[in-house]
């Protein structure tokens, strides 16, 4: 009788694995890069969004292995199924054709930063209103094709640090960047001048960040389902709220 029971249990458990009801990979590899305070090797739990990911997976007893690479390499690794996902990424229609996405983990305001008094009180409603200004952009971001189509004057740099240096030295008028990331750079680079920075009231974009997931990683949809469940749990039990308050994002 015991042999029959053991055999039946073996069949049931094997079926669960075949159906994807149990995750086959307990250590989930996720690619990210230096984008403080969202993600950083120098911050506790690797930053705001990384901490949310860790907490959500902890609720469903799954561990995460964060790996830091340039974002282009990270996308390639996700494409090939060498990693399950990558953060931080905005959900777009174009990306949804190539990848899966988790439920949103953060709302992001992309705004225009300025320095000094000359841009105070400036308003804009459409891209034509920005044509008289020089924008300090960073290569590889979502707004490149948008600004090009609008005919805006953009001085691109390899990263946002260079763009903020140009802003302080009056080589550009505006820098588009997620709001809390911009203030993070300012506090690190120009703490004694932080009171001279401001943002235009109208944001460039308000979007949702999520984990961008490989369609080729083993058991990927099961891991996705587990993560979304864990995310719901930390929003219910208050952990999510504590993390957001920690980064001044009530």
Foldseek 3Di string as FASTA:
>chain_A
DVVVVVVVVVVVVVVCVVVLVDDPAQEAEEEEADQPQCADPPDVCGHQVSVLLQQLSVLVNGHYDYDYDPVVVRVVCQQVQVGFWYDWDFDDPVLVVFWDWAPFLDKWFWFKKAFADPCPPPADDDVVSQQVWEEEEEPPDPCVVVCVVSVHHYDYDPDVLVSVVCRVVVVGGIYIDTDLSVLVSCCVPPVVRSVRMDTHPDTPDITTTTITGHPPHPSSVSVSVSSNNSSVVCVVVVVSVVSCVVSVND
